[in-house]
Amino acid sequence: MDVEYVVAIAVILLGVALWGLKKYQVLNADGKVTLDEIIETAIEGAGIAGDAAEEIEEIVEASKAEEAAKAAEAEATSAVDTSGAEVETNAGQ
């Protein structure tokens, strides 16, 4: 996985963590937390976590597709020499 994909995932997770910290500060601002606030936060947090998981899944899929394309390109270039004739590869061994 390339660095840009790792950074993108880290940014998404950092956003979720910052949301959690901000929500914690808001809930504790008055010094008391009610059950309704906890339930609302849990529902909202589940939505945010679900969105983050979808974004991360898309990033991982894009990374896998890019790696597969690079591998296919490398295999194609190693199977043809400079004259255009096919050469035997040891890929199956």
C-alpha atoms as a PDB file:
ATOM      1  CA  MET A   1       0.000   0.000   0.000  1.00  0.00           C
ATOM      2  CA  ASP A   2       1.420   3.346  -1.022  1.00  0.00           C
ATOM      3  CA  VAL A   3       2.046   6.164   1.407  1.00  0.00           C
ATOM      4  CA  GLU A   4      -0.753   8.346   0.027  1.00  0.00           C
ATOM      5  CA  TYR A   5      -3.301   5.639   0.842  1.00  0.00           C
ATOM      6  CA  VAL A   6      -1.972   5.264   4.374  1.00  0.00           C
ATOM      7  CA  VAL A   7      -2.089   9.034   4.854  1.00  0.00           C
ATOM      8  CA  ALA A   8      -5.674   9.179   3.548  1.00  0.00           C
ATOM      9  CA  ILE A   9      -6.748   6.467   5.998  1.00  0.00           C
ATOM     10  CA  ALA A  10      -4.939   8.228   8.848  1.00  0.00           C
ATOM     11  CA  VAL A  11      -6.722  11.498   8.020  1.00  0.00           C
ATOM     12  CA  ILE A  12     -10.112   9.754   8.086  1.00  0.00           C
ATOM     13  CA  LEU A  13      -9.355   8.124  11.440  1.00  0.00           C
ATOM     14  CA  LEU A  14      -8.031  11.392  12.831  1.00  0.00           C
ATOM     15  CA  GLY A  15     -11.272  13.088  11.825  1.00  0.00           C
ATOM     16  CA  VAL A  16     -13.295  10.455  13.668  1.00  0.00           C
ATOM     17  CA  ALA A  17     -11.080  10.798  16.736  1.00  0.00           C
ATOM     18  CA  LEU A  18     -11.397  14.578  16.725  1.00  0.00           C
ATOM     19  CA  TRP A  19     -15.172  14.298  16.413  1.00  0.00           C
ATOM     20  CA  GLY A  20     -15.159  11.975  19.440  1.00  0.00           C
ATOM     21  CA  LEU A  21     -13.018  14.362  21.456  1.00  0.00           C
ATOM     22  CA  LYS A  22     -15.202  17.337  20.580  1.00  0.00           C
ATOM     23  CA  LYS A  23     -18.354  15.383  21.439  1.00  0.00           C
ATOM     24  CA  TYR A  24     -16.821  14.335  24.783  1.00  0.00           C
ATOM     25  CA  GLN A  25     -16.004  17.953  25.599  1.00  0.00           C
ATOM     26  CA  VAL A  26     -19.531  19.091  24.731  1.00  0.00           C
ATOM     27  CA  LEU A  27     -21.132  16.324  26.809  1.00  0.00           C
ATOM     28  CA  ASN A  28     -18.986  17.107  29.838  1.00  0.00           C
ATOM     29  CA  ALA A  29     -19.289  20.894  29.559  1.00  0.00           C
ATOM     30  CA  ASP A  30     -22.155  21.081  32.028  1.00  0.00           C
ATOM     31  CA  GLY A  31     -20.685  18.447  34.349  1.00  0.00           C
ATOM     32  CA  LYS A  32     -23.462  15.904  33.913  1.00  0.00           C
ATOM     33  CA  VAL A  33     -24.241  13.410  31.174  1.00  0.00           C
ATOM     34  CA  THR A  34     -27.744  12.078  30.626  1.00  0.00           C
ATOM     35  CA  LEU A  35     -28.767   8.763  29.134  1.00  0.00           C
ATOM     36  CA  ASP A  36     -30.416  10.576  26.220  1.00  0.00           C
ATOM     37  CA  GLU A  37     -27.133  12.308  25.400  1.00  0.00           C
ATOM     38  CA  ILE A  38     -25.307   8.988  25.474  1.00  0.00           C
ATOM     39  CA  ILE A  39     -27.857   7.344  23.167  1.00  0.00           C
ATOM     40  CA  GLU A  40     -27.790  10.275  20.723  1.00  0.00           C
ATOM     41  CA  THR A  41     -24.004  10.236  20.694  1.00  0.00           C
ATOM     42  CA  ALA A  42     -23.885   6.481  20.148  1.00  0.00           C
ATOM     43  CA  ILE A  43     -26.264   6.696  17.194  1.00  0.00           C
ATOM     44  CA  GLU A  44     -24.403   9.634  15.698  1.00  0.00           C
ATOM     45  CA  GLY A  45     -21.062   7.916  16.301  1.00  0.00           C
ATOM     46  CA  ALA A  46     -22.254   4.733  14.608  1.00  0.00           C
ATOM     47  CA  GLY A  47     -23.159   6.749  11.524  1.00  0.00           C
ATOM     48  CA  ILE A  48     -19.814   8.509  11.474  1.00  0.00           C
ATOM     49  CA  ALA A  49     -17.933   5.240  12.004  1.00  0.00           C
ATOM     50  CA  GLY A  50     -19.923   3.611   9.206  1.00  0.00           C
ATOM     51  CA  ASP A  51     -19.111   6.463   6.825  1.00  0.00           C
ATOM     52  CA  ALA A  52     -15.439   6.272   7.777  1.00  0.00           C
ATOM     53  CA  ALA A  53     -15.401   2.504   7.233  1.00  0.00           C
ATOM     54  CA  GLU A  54     -16.896   2.947   3.753  1.00  0.00           C
ATOM     55  CA  GLU A  55     -14.286   5.559   2.856  1.00  0.00           C
ATOM     56  CA  ILE A  56     -11.465   3.353   4.133  1.00  0.00           C
ATOM     57  CA  GLU A  57     -12.840   0.379   2.213  1.00  0.00           C
ATOM     58  CA  GLU A  58     -12.858   2.459  -0.988  1.00  0.00           C
ATOM     59  CA  ILE A  59      -9.252   3.497  -0.365  1.00  0.00           C
ATOM     60  CA  VAL A  60      -8.161  -0.105   0.229  1.00  0.00           C
ATOM     61  CA  GLU A  61      -9.936  -1.265  -2.945  1.00  0.00           C
ATOM     62  CA  ALA A  62      -8.275   1.525  -4.952  1.00  0.00           C
ATOM     63  CA  SER A  63      -4.909   0.526  -3.533  1.00  0.00           C
ATOM     64  CA  LYS A  64      -5.470  -3.125  -4.455  1.00  0.00           C
ATOM     65  CA  ALA A  65      -6.539  -2.164  -7.976  1.00  0.00           C
ATOM     66  CA  GLU A  66      -3.466   0.027  -8.417  1.00  0.00           C
ATOM     67  CA  GLU A  67      -1.159  -2.733  -7.159  1.00  0.00           C
ATOM     68  CA  ALA A  68      -2.789  -5.249  -9.503  1.00  0.00           C
ATOM     69  CA  ALA A  69      -2.369  -2.874 -12.443  1.00  0.00           C
ATOM     70  CA  LYS A  70       1.290  -2.330 -11.572  1.00  0.00           C
ATOM     71  CA  ALA A  71       1.859  -6.083 -11.284  1.00  0.00           C
ATOM     72  CA  ALA A  72       0.155  -6.719 -14.632  1.00  0.00           C
ATOM     73  CA  GLU A  73       2.219  -3.990 -16.273  1.00  0.00           C
ATOM     74  CA  ALA A  74       5.428  -5.379 -14.800  1.00  0.00           C
ATOM     75  CA  GLU A  75       4.531  -8.877 -15.969  1.00  0.00           C
ATOM     76  CA  ALA A  76       3.718  -7.627 -19.465  1.00  0.00           C
ATOM     77  CA  THR A  77       6.983  -5.729 -19.779  1.00  0.00           C
ATOM     78  CA  SER A  78       9.053  -8.649 -18.474  1.00  0.00           C
ATOM     79  CA  ALA A  79       7.475 -11.079 -20.954  1.00  0.00           C
ATOM     80  CA  VAL A  80       8.560  -9.055 -24.009  1.00  0.00           C
ATOM     81  CA  ASP A  81      12.171  -8.232 -24.838  1.00  0.00           C
ATOM     82  CA  THR A  82      13.284  -5.109 -26.707  1.00  0.00           C
ATOM     83  CA  SER A  83      12.894  -6.718 -30.147  1.00  0.00           C
ATOM     84  CA  GLY A  84       9.244  -7.528 -29.440  1.00  0.00           C
ATOM     85  CA  ALA A  85       9.756 -11.283 -29.329  1.00  0.00           C
ATOM     86  CA  GLU A  86       8.372 -13.170 -26.358  1.00  0.00           C
ATOM     87  CA  VAL A  87      10.881 -14.475 -23.859  1.00  0.00           C
ATOM     88  CA  GLU A  88      10.450 -17.290 -21.415  1.00  0.00           C
ATOM     89  CA  THR A  89       9.748 -16.211 -17.854  1.00  0.00           C
ATOM     90  CA  ASN A  90      10.072 -18.084 -14.599  1.00  0.00           C
ATOM     91  CA  ALA A  91       6.731 -16.809 -13.284  1.00  0.00           C
ATOM     92  CA  GLY A  92       5.212 -20.291 -13.103  1.00  0.00           C
ATOM     93  CA  GLN A  93       8.072 -21.863 -11.184  1.00  0.00           C
END
